[in-house]
Amino acid sequence: MIQGEFDDIGQLFFEIDLISASGESFSVTALLDTGSTEWLAINEQDLEALEWPRVETRNVVTAMGETVFNTYLGKVVLDAQEYTLEVVAGSDLREVILGLPWLQSRRLVVDRQ
């Protein structure tokens, strides 16, 4: 089971690891965004250290409207399991985002005081 924490305004964050192409692990805090239909979204600047291979460019619908994102093949460790998946990257992303697809294979239990 993965543990998360709420911030001051009620957003839910989890610690995950991003694995670079060279195998180096980077721990980051990721925001669970149930409005995101992507597995993972990150800021383009983070890709320099990760060196993930680019897959394609595609249109993605966001809360701000339709946006063009580059997609990359990335490795992520969540709940002690490693996953290889497509990751979208954009310059306007302020947080690493875990999207709704994670909840298709995981149960979310929230105990907020």
PDB file of N, CA and C in Angstrom:
ATOM      1  N   MET A   1       0.851  -1.179   0.000  1.00  0.00           N
ATOM      2  CA  MET A   1       0.000   0.000   0.000  1.00  0.00           C
ATOM      3  C   MET A   1       0.897   1.242   0.000  1.00  0.00           C
ATOM      4  N   ILE A   2       0.553   2.185  -0.815  1.00  0.00           N
ATOM      5  CA  ILE A   2       1.295   3.441  -0.892  1.00  0.00           C
ATOM      6  C   ILE A   2       0.611   4.470  -0.003  1.00  0.00           C
ATOM      7  N   GLN A   3       1.409   5.219   0.715  1.00  0.00           N
ATOM      8  CA  GLN A   3       0.892   6.251   1.609  1.00  0.00           C
ATOM      9  C   GLN A   3       0.987   7.609   0.925  1.00  0.00           C
ATOM     10  N   GLY A   4      -0.040   8.406   1.105  1.00  0.00           N
ATOM     11  CA  GLY A   4      -0.046   9.749   0.547  1.00  0.00           C
ATOM     12  C   GLY A   4      -0.285  10.765   1.641  1.00  0.00           C
ATOM     13  N   GLU A   5      -0.125  12.027   1.279  1.00  0.00           N
ATOM     14  CA  GLU A   5      -0.355  13.117   2.229  1.00  0.00           C
ATOM     15  C   GLU A   5      -1.110  14.247   1.543  1.00  0.00           C
ATOM     16  N   PHE A   6      -1.987  14.884   2.310  1.00  0.00           N
ATOM     17  CA  PHE A   6      -2.708  16.052   1.821  1.00  0.00           C
ATOM     18  C   PHE A   6      -1.900  17.308   2.107  1.00  0.00           C
ATOM     19  N   ASP A   7      -1.985  18.271   1.187  1.00  0.00           N
ATOM     20  CA  ASP A   7      -1.367  19.566   1.461  1.00  0.00           C
ATOM     21  C   ASP A   7      -2.399  20.471   2.138  1.00  0.00           C
ATOM     22  N   ASP A   8      -2.053  21.729   2.323  1.00  0.00           N
ATOM     23  CA  ASP A   8      -2.913  22.674   3.039  1.00  0.00           C
ATOM     24  C   ASP A   8      -4.257  22.933   2.368  1.00  0.00           C
ATOM     25  N   ILE A   9      -4.326  22.729   1.054  1.00  0.00           N
ATOM     26  CA  ILE A   9      -5.584  23.000   0.360  1.00  0.00           C
ATOM     27  C   ILE A   9      -6.320  21.714  -0.043  1.00  0.00           C
ATOM     28  N   GLY A  10      -5.856  20.561   0.452  1.00  0.00           N
ATOM     29  CA  GLY A  10      -6.569  19.308   0.237  1.00  0.00           C
ATOM     30  C   GLY A  10      -6.139  18.494  -0.963  1.00  0.00           C
ATOM     31  N   GLN A  11      -5.039  18.854  -1.608  1.00  0.00           N
ATOM     32  CA  GLN A  11      -4.536  18.062  -2.722  1.00  0.00           C
ATOM     33  C   GLN A  11      -3.788  16.851  -2.171  1.00  0.00           C
ATOM     34  N   LEU A  12      -3.909  15.713  -2.849  1.00  0.00           N
ATOM     35  CA  LEU A  12      -3.306  14.470  -2.389  1.00  0.00           C
ATOM     36  C   LEU A  12      -2.023  14.177  -3.159  1.00  0.00           C
ATOM     37  N   PHE A  13      -0.924  14.004  -2.419  1.00  0.00           N
ATOM     38  CA  PHE A  13       0.387  13.769  -3.011  1.00  0.00           C
ATOM     39  C   PHE A  13       0.944  12.420  -2.582  1.00  0.00           C
ATOM     40  N   PHE A  14       1.684  11.797  -3.498  1.00  0.00           N
ATOM     41  CA  PHE A  14       2.361  10.529  -3.236  1.00  0.00           C
ATOM     42  C   PHE A  14       3.822  10.637  -3.632  1.00  0.00           C
ATOM     43  N   GLU A  15       4.679   9.908  -2.933  1.00  0.00           N
ATOM     44  CA  GLU A  15       6.080   9.849  -3.328  1.00  0.00           C
ATOM     45  C   GLU A  15       6.256   8.684  -4.292  1.00  0.00           C
ATOM     46  N   ILE A  16       6.867   8.983  -5.433  1.00  0.00           N
ATOM     47  CA  ILE A  16       7.163   7.964  -6.436  1.00  0.00           C
ATOM     48  C   ILE A  16       8.619   8.119  -6.854  1.00  0.00           C
ATOM     49  N   ASP A  17       9.134   7.157  -7.583  1.00  0.00           N
ATOM     50  CA  ASP A  17      10.485   7.237  -8.128  1.00  0.00           C
ATOM     51  C   ASP A  17      10.406   7.248  -9.643  1.00  0.00           C
ATOM     52  N   LEU A  18      11.156   8.138 -10.255  1.00  0.00           N
ATOM     53  CA  LEU A  18      11.327   8.177 -11.702  1.00  0.00           C
ATOM     54  C   LEU A  18      12.691   7.569 -11.990  1.00  0.00           C
ATOM     55  N   ILE A  19      12.760   6.620 -12.911  1.00  0.00           N
ATOM     56  CA  ILE A  19      14.004   5.930 -13.219  1.00  0.00           C
ATOM     57  C   ILE A  19      14.530   6.445 -14.557  1.00  0.00           C
ATOM     58  N   SER A  20      15.744   6.969 -14.530  1.00  0.00           N
ATOM     59  CA  SER A  20      16.331   7.529 -15.746  1.00  0.00           C
ATOM     60  C   SER A  20      16.746   6.408 -16.698  1.00  0.00           C
ATOM     61  N   ALA A  21      17.081   6.782 -17.920  1.00  0.00           N
ATOM     62  CA  ALA A  21      17.525   5.814 -18.919  1.00  0.00           C
ATOM     63  C   ALA A  21      18.792   5.095 -18.463  1.00  0.00           C
ATOM     64  N   SER A  22      19.598   5.756 -17.619  1.00  0.00           N
ATOM     65  CA  SER A  22      20.830   5.134 -17.107  1.00  0.00           C
ATOM     66  C   SER A  22      20.588   4.307 -15.848  1.00  0.00           C
ATOM     67  N   GLY A  23      19.346   4.282 -15.356  1.00  0.00           N
ATOM     68  CA  GLY A  23      19.019   3.481 -14.177  1.00  0.00           C
ATOM     69  C   GLY A  23      19.031   4.236 -12.867  1.00  0.00           C
ATOM     70  N   GLU A  24      19.358   5.518 -12.914  1.00  0.00           N
ATOM     71  CA  GLU A  24      19.372   6.330 -11.695  1.00  0.00           C
ATOM     72  C   GLU A  24      17.945   6.624 -11.250  1.00  0.00           C
ATOM     73  N   SER A  25      17.704   6.595  -9.946  1.00  0.00           N
ATOM     74  CA  SER A  25      16.371   6.797  -9.388  1.00  0.00           C
ATOM     75  C   SER A  25      16.256   8.195  -8.792  1.00  0.00           C
ATOM     76  N   PHE A  26      15.142   8.874  -9.110  1.00  0.00           N
ATOM     77  CA  PHE A  26      14.856  10.201  -8.586  1.00  0.00           C
ATOM     78  C   PHE A  26      13.520  10.156  -7.855  1.00  0.00           C
ATOM     79  N   SER A  27      13.536  10.400  -6.552  1.00  0.00           N
ATOM     80  CA  SER A  27      12.290  10.448  -5.787  1.00  0.00           C
ATOM     81  C   SER A  27      11.639  11.804  -5.971  1.00  0.00           C
ATOM     82  N   VAL A  28      10.338  11.776  -6.285  1.00  0.00           N
ATOM     83  CA  VAL A  28       9.580  13.009  -6.474  1.00  0.00           C
ATOM     84  C   VAL A  28       8.231  12.867  -5.788  1.00  0.00           C
ATOM     85  N   THR A  29       7.621  13.992  -5.505  1.00  0.00           N
ATOM     86  CA  THR A  29       6.275  14.014  -4.959  1.00  0.00           C
ATOM     87  C   THR A  29       5.326  14.288  -6.119  1.00  0.00           C
ATOM     88  N   ALA A  30       4.312  13.430  -6.265  1.00  0.00           N
ATOM     89  CA  ALA A  30       3.391  13.537  -7.395  1.00  0.00           C
ATOM     90  C   ALA A  30       1.969  13.792  -6.904  1.00  0.00           C
ATOM     91  N   LEU A  31       1.288  14.675  -7.589  1.00  0.00           N
ATOM     92  CA  LEU A  31      -0.094  15.034  -7.287  1.00  0.00           C
ATOM     93  C   LEU A  31      -1.044  14.049  -7.961  1.00  0.00           C
ATOM     94  N   LEU A  32      -1.986  13.490  -7.206  1.00  0.00           N
ATOM     95  CA  LEU A  32      -3.028  12.658  -7.803  1.00  0.00           C
ATOM     96  C   LEU A  32      -4.083  13.581  -8.389  1.00  0.00           C
ATOM     97  N   ASP A  33      -4.262  13.504  -9.701  1.00  0.00           N
ATOM     98  CA  ASP A  33      -5.223  14.345 -10.412  1.00  0.00           C
ATOM     99  C   ASP A  33      -6.221  13.436 -11.113  1.00  0.00           C
ATOM    100  N   THR A  34      -7.390  13.261 -10.512  1.00  0.00           N
ATOM    101  CA  THR A  34      -8.392  12.363 -11.078  1.00  0.00           C
ATOM    102  C   THR A  34      -9.027  12.924 -12.350  1.00  0.00           C
ATOM    103  N   GLY A  35      -8.707  14.157 -12.692  1.00  0.00           N
ATOM    104  CA  GLY A  35      -9.178  14.744 -13.939  1.00  0.00           C
ATOM    105  C   GLY A  35      -8.248  14.468 -15.102  1.00  0.00           C
ATOM    106  N   SER A  36      -7.071  13.925 -14.815  1.00  0.00           N
ATOM    107  CA  SER A  36      -6.099  13.628 -15.864  1.00  0.00           C
ATOM    108  C   SER A  36      -6.320  12.221 -16.394  1.00  0.00           C
ATOM    109  N   THR A  37      -6.373  12.083 -17.706  1.00  0.00           N
ATOM    110  CA  THR A  37      -6.542  10.777 -18.329  1.00  0.00           C
ATOM    111  C   THR A  37      -5.207  10.136 -18.694  1.00  0.00           C
ATOM    112  N   GLU A  38      -4.112  10.777 -18.315  1.00  0.00           N
ATOM    113  CA  GLU A  38      -2.766  10.253 -18.588  1.00  0.00           C
ATOM    114  C   GLU A  38      -2.230   9.523 -17.358  1.00  0.00           C
ATOM    115  N   TRP A  39      -1.381   8.522 -17.583  1.00  0.00           N
ATOM    116  CA  TRP A  39      -0.764   7.815 -16.461  1.00  0.00           C
ATOM    117  C   TRP A  39       0.116   8.758 -15.655  1.00  0.00           C
ATOM    118  N   LEU A  40       0.941   9.517 -16.360  1.00  0.00           N
ATOM    119  CA  LEU A  40       1.891  10.400 -15.693  1.00  0.00           C
ATOM    120  C   LEU A  40       2.164  11.597 -16.588  1.00  0.00           C
ATOM    121  N   ALA A  41       2.256  12.770 -15.973  1.00  0.00           N
ATOM    122  CA  ALA A  41       2.603  13.994 -16.697  1.00  0.00           C
ATOM    123  C   ALA A  41       3.682  14.719 -15.907  1.00  0.00           C
ATOM    124  N   ILE A  42       4.699  15.213 -16.616  1.00  0.00           N
ATOM    125  CA  ILE A  42       5.805  15.918 -15.956  1.00  0.00           C
ATOM    126  C   ILE A  42       6.173  17.159 -16.763  1.00  0.00           C
ATOM    127  N   ASN A  43       6.941  18.025 -16.140  1.00  0.00           N
ATOM    128  CA  ASN A  43       7.453  19.210 -16.815  1.00  0.00           C
ATOM    129  C   ASN A  43       8.589  18.795 -17.744  1.00  0.00           C
ATOM    130  N   GLU A  44       8.668  19.425 -18.898  1.00  0.00           N
ATOM    131  CA  GLU A  44       9.701  19.100 -19.890  1.00  0.00           C
ATOM    132  C   GLU A  44      11.122  19.239 -19.344  1.00  0.00           C
ATOM    133  N   GLN A  45      11.333  20.157 -18.405  1.00  0.00           N
ATOM    134  CA  GLN A  45      12.673  20.352 -17.848  1.00  0.00           C
ATOM    135  C   GLN A  45      13.190  19.097 -17.151  1.00  0.00           C
ATOM    136  N   ASP A  46      12.289  18.320 -16.560  1.00  0.00           N
ATOM    137  CA  ASP A  46      12.695  17.112 -15.848  1.00  0.00           C
ATOM    138  C   ASP A  46      13.253  16.044 -16.784  1.00  0.00           C
ATOM    139  N   LEU A  47      12.963  16.143 -18.056  1.00  0.00           N
ATOM    140  CA  LEU A  47      13.402  15.135 -19.018  1.00  0.00           C
ATOM    141  C   LEU A  47      14.902  15.151 -19.264  1.00  0.00           C
ATOM    142  N   GLU A  48      15.549  16.290 -19.034  1.00  0.00           N
ATOM    143  CA  GLU A  48      16.992  16.368 -19.252  1.00  0.00           C
ATOM    144  C   GLU A  48      17.726  15.347 -18.418  1.00  0.00           C
ATOM    145  N   ALA A  49      17.396  15.247 -17.144  1.00  0.00           N
ATOM    146  CA  ALA A  49      18.070  14.304 -16.255  1.00  0.00           C
ATOM    147  C   ALA A  49      17.631  12.864 -16.519  1.00  0.00           C
ATOM    148  N   LEU A  50      16.393  12.673 -16.939  1.00  0.00           N
ATOM    149  CA  LEU A  50      15.860  11.326 -17.126  1.00  0.00           C
ATOM    150  C   LEU A  50      16.293  10.685 -18.443  1.00  0.00           C
ATOM    151  N   GLU A  51      16.460  11.494 -19.481  1.00  0.00           N
ATOM    152  CA  GLU A  51      16.874  11.025 -20.806  1.00  0.00           C
ATOM    153  C   GLU A  51      15.974   9.917 -21.347  1.00  0.00           C
ATOM    154  N   TRP A  52      14.659  10.057 -21.116  1.00  0.00           N
ATOM    155  CA  TRP A  52      13.708   9.086 -21.640  1.00  0.00           C
ATOM    156  C   TRP A  52      13.550   9.286 -23.139  1.00  0.00           C
ATOM    157  N   PRO A  53      13.389   8.207 -23.900  1.00  0.00           N
ATOM    158  CA  PRO A  53      13.209   8.350 -25.354  1.00  0.00           C
ATOM    159  C   PRO A  53      11.835   8.929 -25.709  1.00  0.00           C
ATOM    160  N   ARG A  54      11.840   9.814 -26.684  1.00  0.00           N
ATOM    161  CA  ARG A  54      10.595  10.427 -27.151  1.00  0.00           C
ATOM    162  C   ARG A  54       9.846   9.444 -28.035  1.00  0.00           C
ATOM    163  N   VAL A  55       8.532   9.367 -27.855  1.00  0.00           N
ATOM    164  CA  VAL A  55       7.708   8.431 -28.613  1.00  0.00           C
ATOM    165  C   VAL A  55       6.967   9.157 -29.729  1.00  0.00           C
ATOM    166  N   GLU A  56       6.200  10.197 -29.358  1.00  0.00           N
ATOM    167  CA  GLU A  56       5.398  10.909 -30.345  1.00  0.00           C
ATOM    168  C   GLU A  56       4.933  12.244 -29.784  1.00  0.00           C
ATOM    169  N   THR A  57       4.251  12.996 -30.623  1.00  0.00           N
ATOM    170  CA  THR A  57       3.566  14.217 -30.210  1.00  0.00           C
ATOM    171  C   THR A  57       2.087  13.963 -30.410  1.00  0.00           C
ATOM    172  N   ARG A  58       1.266  14.363 -29.415  1.00  0.00           N
ATOM    173  CA  ARG A  58      -0.177  14.171 -29.573  1.00  0.00           C
ATOM    174  C   ARG A  58      -0.956  15.251 -28.860  1.00  0.00           C
ATOM    175  N   ASN A  59      -2.204  15.395 -29.273  1.00  0.00           N
ATOM    176  CA  ASN A  59      -3.106  16.354 -28.653  1.00  0.00           C
ATOM    177  C   ASN A  59      -3.738  15.713 -27.425  1.00  0.00           C
ATOM    178  N   VAL A  60      -3.762  16.464 -26.331  1.00  0.00           N
ATOM    179  CA  VAL A  60      -4.343  15.996 -25.079  1.00  0.00           C
ATOM    180  C   VAL A  60      -5.311  17.064 -24.595  1.00  0.00           C
ATOM    181  N   VAL A  61      -6.491  16.645 -24.162  1.00  0.00           N
ATOM    182  CA  VAL A  61      -7.473  17.580 -23.621  1.00  0.00           C
ATOM    183  C   VAL A  61      -7.183  17.777 -22.140  1.00  0.00           C
ATOM    184  N   THR A  62      -7.016  19.032 -21.731  1.00  0.00           N
ATOM    185  CA  THR A  62      -6.758  19.376 -20.335  1.00  0.00           C
ATOM    186  C   THR A  62      -7.859  20.313 -19.844  1.00  0.00           C
ATOM    187  N   ALA A  63      -7.785  20.685 -18.588  1.00  0.00           N
ATOM    188  CA  ALA A  63      -8.746  21.638 -18.032  1.00  0.00           C
ATOM    189  C   ALA A  63      -8.658  22.991 -18.730  1.00  0.00           C
ATOM    190  N   MET A  64      -7.513  23.290 -19.302  1.00  0.00           N
ATOM    191  CA  MET A  64      -7.307  24.562 -20.009  1.00  0.00           C
ATOM    192  C   MET A  64      -7.676  24.479 -21.481  1.00  0.00           C
ATOM    193  N   GLY A  65      -8.082  23.300 -21.952  1.00  0.00           N
ATOM    194  CA  GLY A  65      -8.402  23.104 -23.363  1.00  0.00           C
ATOM    195  C   GLY A  65      -7.472  22.080 -23.973  1.00  0.00           C
ATOM    196  N   GLU A  66      -7.471  21.989 -25.290  1.00  0.00           N
ATOM    197  CA  GLU A  66      -6.624  21.021 -25.984  1.00  0.00           C
ATOM    198  C   GLU A  66      -5.205  21.566 -26.090  1.00  0.00           C
ATOM    199  N   THR A  67      -4.236  20.714 -25.774  1.00  0.00           N
ATOM    200  CA  THR A  67      -2.829  21.094 -25.768  1.00  0.00           C
ATOM    201  C   THR A  67      -2.021  20.018 -26.474  1.00  0.00           C
ATOM    202  N   VAL A  68      -0.926  20.396 -27.100  1.00  0.00           N
ATOM    203  CA  VAL A  68      -0.019  19.444 -27.720  1.00  0.00           C
ATOM    204  C   VAL A  68       1.060  19.072 -26.709  1.00  0.00           C
ATOM    205  N   PHE A  69       1.221  17.771 -26.474  1.00  0.00           N
ATOM    206  CA  PHE A  69       2.250  17.268 -25.575  1.00  0.00           C
ATOM    207  C   PHE A  69       3.161  16.314 -26.325  1.00  0.00           C
ATOM    208  N   ASN A  70       4.429  16.314 -25.959  1.00  0.00           N
ATOM    209  CA  ASN A  70       5.344  15.271 -26.397  1.00  0.00           C
ATOM    210  C   ASN A  70       5.169  14.106 -25.438  1.00  0.00           C
ATOM    211  N   THR A  71       5.265  12.882 -25.942  1.00  0.00           N
ATOM    212  CA  THR A  71       5.184  11.711 -25.075  1.00  0.00           C
ATOM    213  C   THR A  71       6.530  10.996 -25.082  1.00  0.00           C
ATOM    214  N   TYR A  72       6.849  10.407 -23.945  1.00  0.00           N
ATOM    215  CA  TYR A  72       8.118   9.731 -23.740  1.00  0.00           C
ATOM    216  C   TYR A  72       7.867   8.374 -23.117  1.00  0.00           C
ATOM    217  N   LEU A  73       8.783   7.439 -23.324  1.00  0.00           N
ATOM    218  CA  LEU A  73       8.693   6.141 -22.692  1.00  0.00           C
ATOM    219  C   LEU A  73       9.507   6.203 -21.410  1.00  0.00           C
ATOM    220  N   GLY A  74       8.813   6.160 -20.273  1.00  0.00           N
ATOM    221  CA  GLY A  74       9.475   6.332 -18.988  1.00  0.00           C
ATOM    222  C   GLY A  74       9.287   5.158 -18.061  1.00  0.00           C
ATOM    223  N   LYS A  75      10.136   5.110 -17.042  1.00  0.00           N
ATOM    224  CA  LYS A  75      10.018   4.091 -16.001  1.00  0.00           C
ATOM    225  C   LYS A  75       9.714   4.777 -14.680  1.00  0.00           C
ATOM    226  N   VAL A  76       8.729   4.212 -13.972  1.00  0.00           N
ATOM    227  CA  VAL A  76       8.246   4.772 -12.719  1.00  0.00           C
ATOM    228  C   VAL A  76       8.137   3.652 -11.700  1.00  0.00           C
ATOM    229  N   VAL A  77       8.500   3.953 -10.453  1.00  0.00           N
ATOM    230  CA  VAL A  77       8.286   2.999  -9.368  1.00  0.00           C
ATOM    231  C   VAL A  77       7.195   3.575  -8.475  1.00  0.00           C
ATOM    232  N   LEU A  78       6.116   2.798  -8.329  1.00  0.00           N
ATOM    233  CA  LEU A  78       4.984   3.181  -7.501  1.00  0.00           C
ATOM    234  C   LEU A  78       4.606   1.968  -6.668  1.00  0.00           C
ATOM    235  N   ASP A  79       4.539   2.145  -5.367  1.00  0.00           N
ATOM    236  CA  ASP A  79       4.163   1.056  -4.470  1.00  0.00           C
ATOM    237  C   ASP A  79       5.084  -0.152  -4.652  1.00  0.00           C
ATOM    238  N   ALA A  80       6.386   0.109  -4.758  1.00  0.00           N
ATOM    239  CA  ALA A  80       7.453  -0.897  -4.869  1.00  0.00           C
ATOM    240  C   ALA A  80       7.384  -1.714  -6.163  1.00  0.00           C
ATOM    241  N   GLN A  81       6.617  -1.278  -7.154  1.00  0.00           N
ATOM    242  CA  GLN A  81       6.552  -1.954  -8.443  1.00  0.00           C
ATOM    243  C   GLN A  81       7.019  -1.005  -9.531  1.00  0.00           C
ATOM    244  N   GLU A  82       7.820  -1.522 -10.471  1.00  0.00           N
ATOM    245  CA  GLU A  82       8.310  -0.716 -11.576  1.00  0.00           C
ATOM    246  C   GLU A  82       7.395  -0.868 -12.788  1.00  0.00           C
ATOM    247  N   TYR A  83       7.083   0.257 -13.415  1.00  0.00           N
ATOM    248  CA  TYR A  83       6.217   0.295 -14.586  1.00  0.00           C
ATOM    249  C   TYR A  83       6.941   1.033 -15.699  1.00  0.00           C
ATOM    250  N   THR A  84       6.782   0.548 -16.924  1.00  0.00           N
ATOM    251  CA  THR A  84       7.237   1.259 -18.108  1.00  0.00           C
ATOM    252  C   THR A  84       5.980   1.741 -18.815  1.00  0.00           C
ATOM    253  N   LEU A  85       5.898   3.056 -19.041  1.00  0.00           N
ATOM    254  CA  LEU A  85       4.671   3.619 -19.594  1.00  0.00           C
ATOM    255  C   LEU A  85       4.944   4.899 -20.356  1.00  0.00           C
ATOM    256  N   GLU A  86       3.944   5.311 -21.149  1.00  0.00           N
ATOM    257  CA  GLU A  86       4.044   6.584 -21.854  1.00  0.00           C
ATOM    258  C   GLU A  86       3.766   7.717 -20.880  1.00  0.00           C
ATOM    259  N   VAL A  87       4.620   8.720 -20.940  1.00  0.00           N
ATOM    260  CA  VAL A  87       4.531   9.884 -20.063  1.00  0.00           C
ATOM    261  C   VAL A  87       4.382  11.120 -20.939  1.00  0.00           C
ATOM    262  N   VAL A  88       3.430  11.983 -20.608  1.00  0.00           N
ATOM    263  CA  VAL A  88       3.307  13.232 -21.350  1.00  0.00           C
ATOM    264  C   VAL A  88       4.124  14.309 -20.633  1.00  0.00           C
ATOM    265  N   ALA A  89       4.684  15.210 -21.431  1.00  0.00           N
ATOM    266  CA  ALA A  89       5.502  16.283 -20.863  1.00  0.00           C
ATOM    267  C   ALA A  89       5.120  17.607 -21.504  1.00  0.00           C
ATOM    268  N   GLY A  90       5.027  18.624 -20.664  1.00  0.00           N
ATOM    269  CA  GLY A  90       4.700  19.961 -21.142  1.00  0.00           C
ATOM    270  C   GLY A  90       5.406  21.010 -20.318  1.00  0.00           C
ATOM    271  N   SER A  91       5.565  22.172 -20.880  1.00  0.00           N
ATOM    272  CA  SER A  91       6.288  23.244 -20.193  1.00  0.00           C
ATOM    273  C   SER A  91       5.450  23.935 -19.120  1.00  0.00           C
ATOM    274  N   ASP A  92       4.129  23.788 -19.169  1.00  0.00           N
ATOM    275  CA  ASP A  92       3.255  24.470 -18.214  1.00  0.00           C
ATOM    276  C   ASP A  92       2.934  23.653 -16.963  1.00  0.00           C
ATOM    277  N   LEU A  93       3.425  22.433 -16.887  1.00  0.00           N
ATOM    278  CA  LEU A  93       3.121  21.585 -15.733  1.00  0.00           C
ATOM    279  C   LEU A  93       3.973  21.994 -14.537  1.00  0.00           C
ATOM    280  N   ARG A  94       3.307  22.291 -13.418  1.00  0.00           N
ATOM    281  CA  ARG A  94       4.029  22.722 -12.217  1.00  0.00           C
ATOM    282  C   ARG A  94       4.343  21.545 -11.302  1.00  0.00           C
ATOM    283  N   GLU A  95       3.566  20.494 -11.391  1.00  0.00           N
ATOM    284  CA  GLU A  95       3.717  19.326 -10.531  1.00  0.00           C
ATOM    285  C   GLU A  95       3.873  18.081 -11.394  1.00  0.00           C
ATOM    286  N   VAL A  96       4.484  17.053 -10.828  1.00  0.00           N
ATOM    287  CA  VAL A  96       4.409  15.729 -11.437  1.00  0.00           C
ATOM    288  C   VAL A  96       3.000  15.237 -11.136  1.00  0.00           C
ATOM    289  N   ILE A  97       2.303  14.741 -12.147  1.00  0.00           N
ATOM    290  CA  ILE A  97       0.893  14.383 -11.991  1.00  0.00           C
ATOM    291  C   ILE A  97       0.686  12.891 -12.239  1.00  0.00           C
ATOM    292  N   LEU A  98       0.039  12.246 -11.282  1.00  0.00           N
ATOM    293  CA  LEU A  98      -0.454  10.882 -11.450  1.00  0.00           C
ATOM    294  C   LEU A  98      -1.908  10.998 -11.889  1.00  0.00           C
ATOM    295  N   GLY A  99      -2.257  10.375 -12.998  1.00  0.00           N
ATOM    296  CA  GLY A  99      -3.604  10.507 -13.516  1.00  0.00           C
ATOM    297  C   GLY A  99      -4.538   9.373 -13.139  1.00  0.00           C
ATOM    298  N   LEU A 100      -5.758   9.499 -13.599  1.00  0.00           N
ATOM    299  CA  LEU A 100      -6.833   8.559 -13.313  1.00  0.00           C
ATOM    300  C   LEU A 100      -6.528   7.098 -13.674  1.00  0.00           C
ATOM    301  N   PRO A 101      -5.776   6.803 -14.735  1.00  0.00           N
ATOM    302  CA  PRO A 101      -5.520   5.393 -15.056  1.00  0.00           C
ATOM    303  C   PRO A 101      -4.925   4.570 -13.903  1.00  0.00           C
ATOM    304  N   TRP A 102      -4.206   5.214 -12.984  1.00  0.00           N
ATOM    305  CA  TRP A 102      -3.653   4.470 -11.839  1.00  0.00           C
ATOM    306  C   TRP A 102      -4.764   3.857 -10.994  1.00  0.00           C
ATOM    307  N   LEU A 103      -5.908   4.503 -10.937  1.00  0.00           N
ATOM    308  CA  LEU A 103      -7.000   3.995 -10.104  1.00  0.00           C
ATOM    309  C   LEU A 103      -7.769   2.850 -10.763  1.00  0.00           C
ATOM    310  N   GLN A 104      -7.467   2.542 -12.017  1.00  0.00           N
ATOM    311  CA  GLN A 104      -8.087   1.394 -12.670  1.00  0.00           C
ATOM    312  C   GLN A 104      -7.516   0.084 -12.130  1.00  0.00           C
ATOM    313  N   SER A 105      -6.298   0.134 -11.607  1.00  0.00           N
ATOM    314  CA  SER A 105      -5.663  -1.082 -11.090  1.00  0.00           C
ATOM    315  C   SER A 105      -5.340  -0.984  -9.600  1.00  0.00           C
ATOM    316  N   ARG A 106      -5.743   0.104  -8.972  1.00  0.00           N
ATOM    317  CA  ARG A 106      -5.450   0.331  -7.564  1.00  0.00           C
ATOM    318  C   ARG A 106      -6.714   0.779  -6.838  1.00  0.00           C
ATOM    319  N   ARG A 107      -6.776   0.435  -5.600  1.00  0.00           N
ATOM    320  CA  ARG A 107      -7.873   0.877  -4.763  1.00  0.00           C
ATOM    321  C   ARG A 107      -7.412   2.106  -3.978  1.00  0.00           C
ATOM    322  N   LEU A 108      -8.205   3.153  -3.993  1.00  0.00           N
ATOM    323  CA  LEU A 108      -7.871   4.364  -3.258  1.00  0.00           C
ATOM    324  C   LEU A 108      -8.725   4.429  -2.002  1.00  0.00           C
ATOM    325  N   VAL A 109      -8.040   4.442  -0.853  1.00  0.00           N
ATOM    326  CA  VAL A 109      -8.711   4.564   0.441  1.00  0.00           C
ATOM    327  C   VAL A 109      -8.166   5.836   1.078  1.00  0.00           C
ATOM    328  N   VAL A 110      -9.054   6.724   1.460  1.00  0.00           N
ATOM    329  CA  VAL A 110      -8.641   8.009   2.034  1.00  0.00           C
ATOM    330  C   VAL A 110      -9.142   8.083   3.467  1.00  0.00           C
ATOM    331  N   ASP A 111      -8.226   8.380   4.370  1.00  0.00           N
ATOM    332  CA  ASP A 111      -8.574   8.581   5.776  1.00  0.00           C
ATOM    333  C   ASP A 111      -8.072   9.967   6.156  1.00  0.00           C
ATOM    334  N   ARG A 112      -8.901  10.945   5.897  1.00  0.00           N
ATOM    335  CA  ARG A 112      -8.511  12.335   6.147  1.00  0.00           C
ATOM    336  C   ARG A 112      -9.159  12.791   7.452  1.00  0.00           C
ATOM    337  N   GLN A 113      -8.340  13.223   8.364  1.00  0.00           N
ATOM    338  CA  GLN A 113      -8.812  13.669   9.680  1.00  0.00           C
ATOM    339  C   GLN A 113      -9.580  14.962   9.569  1.00  0.00           C
TER     340      GLN A 113
END
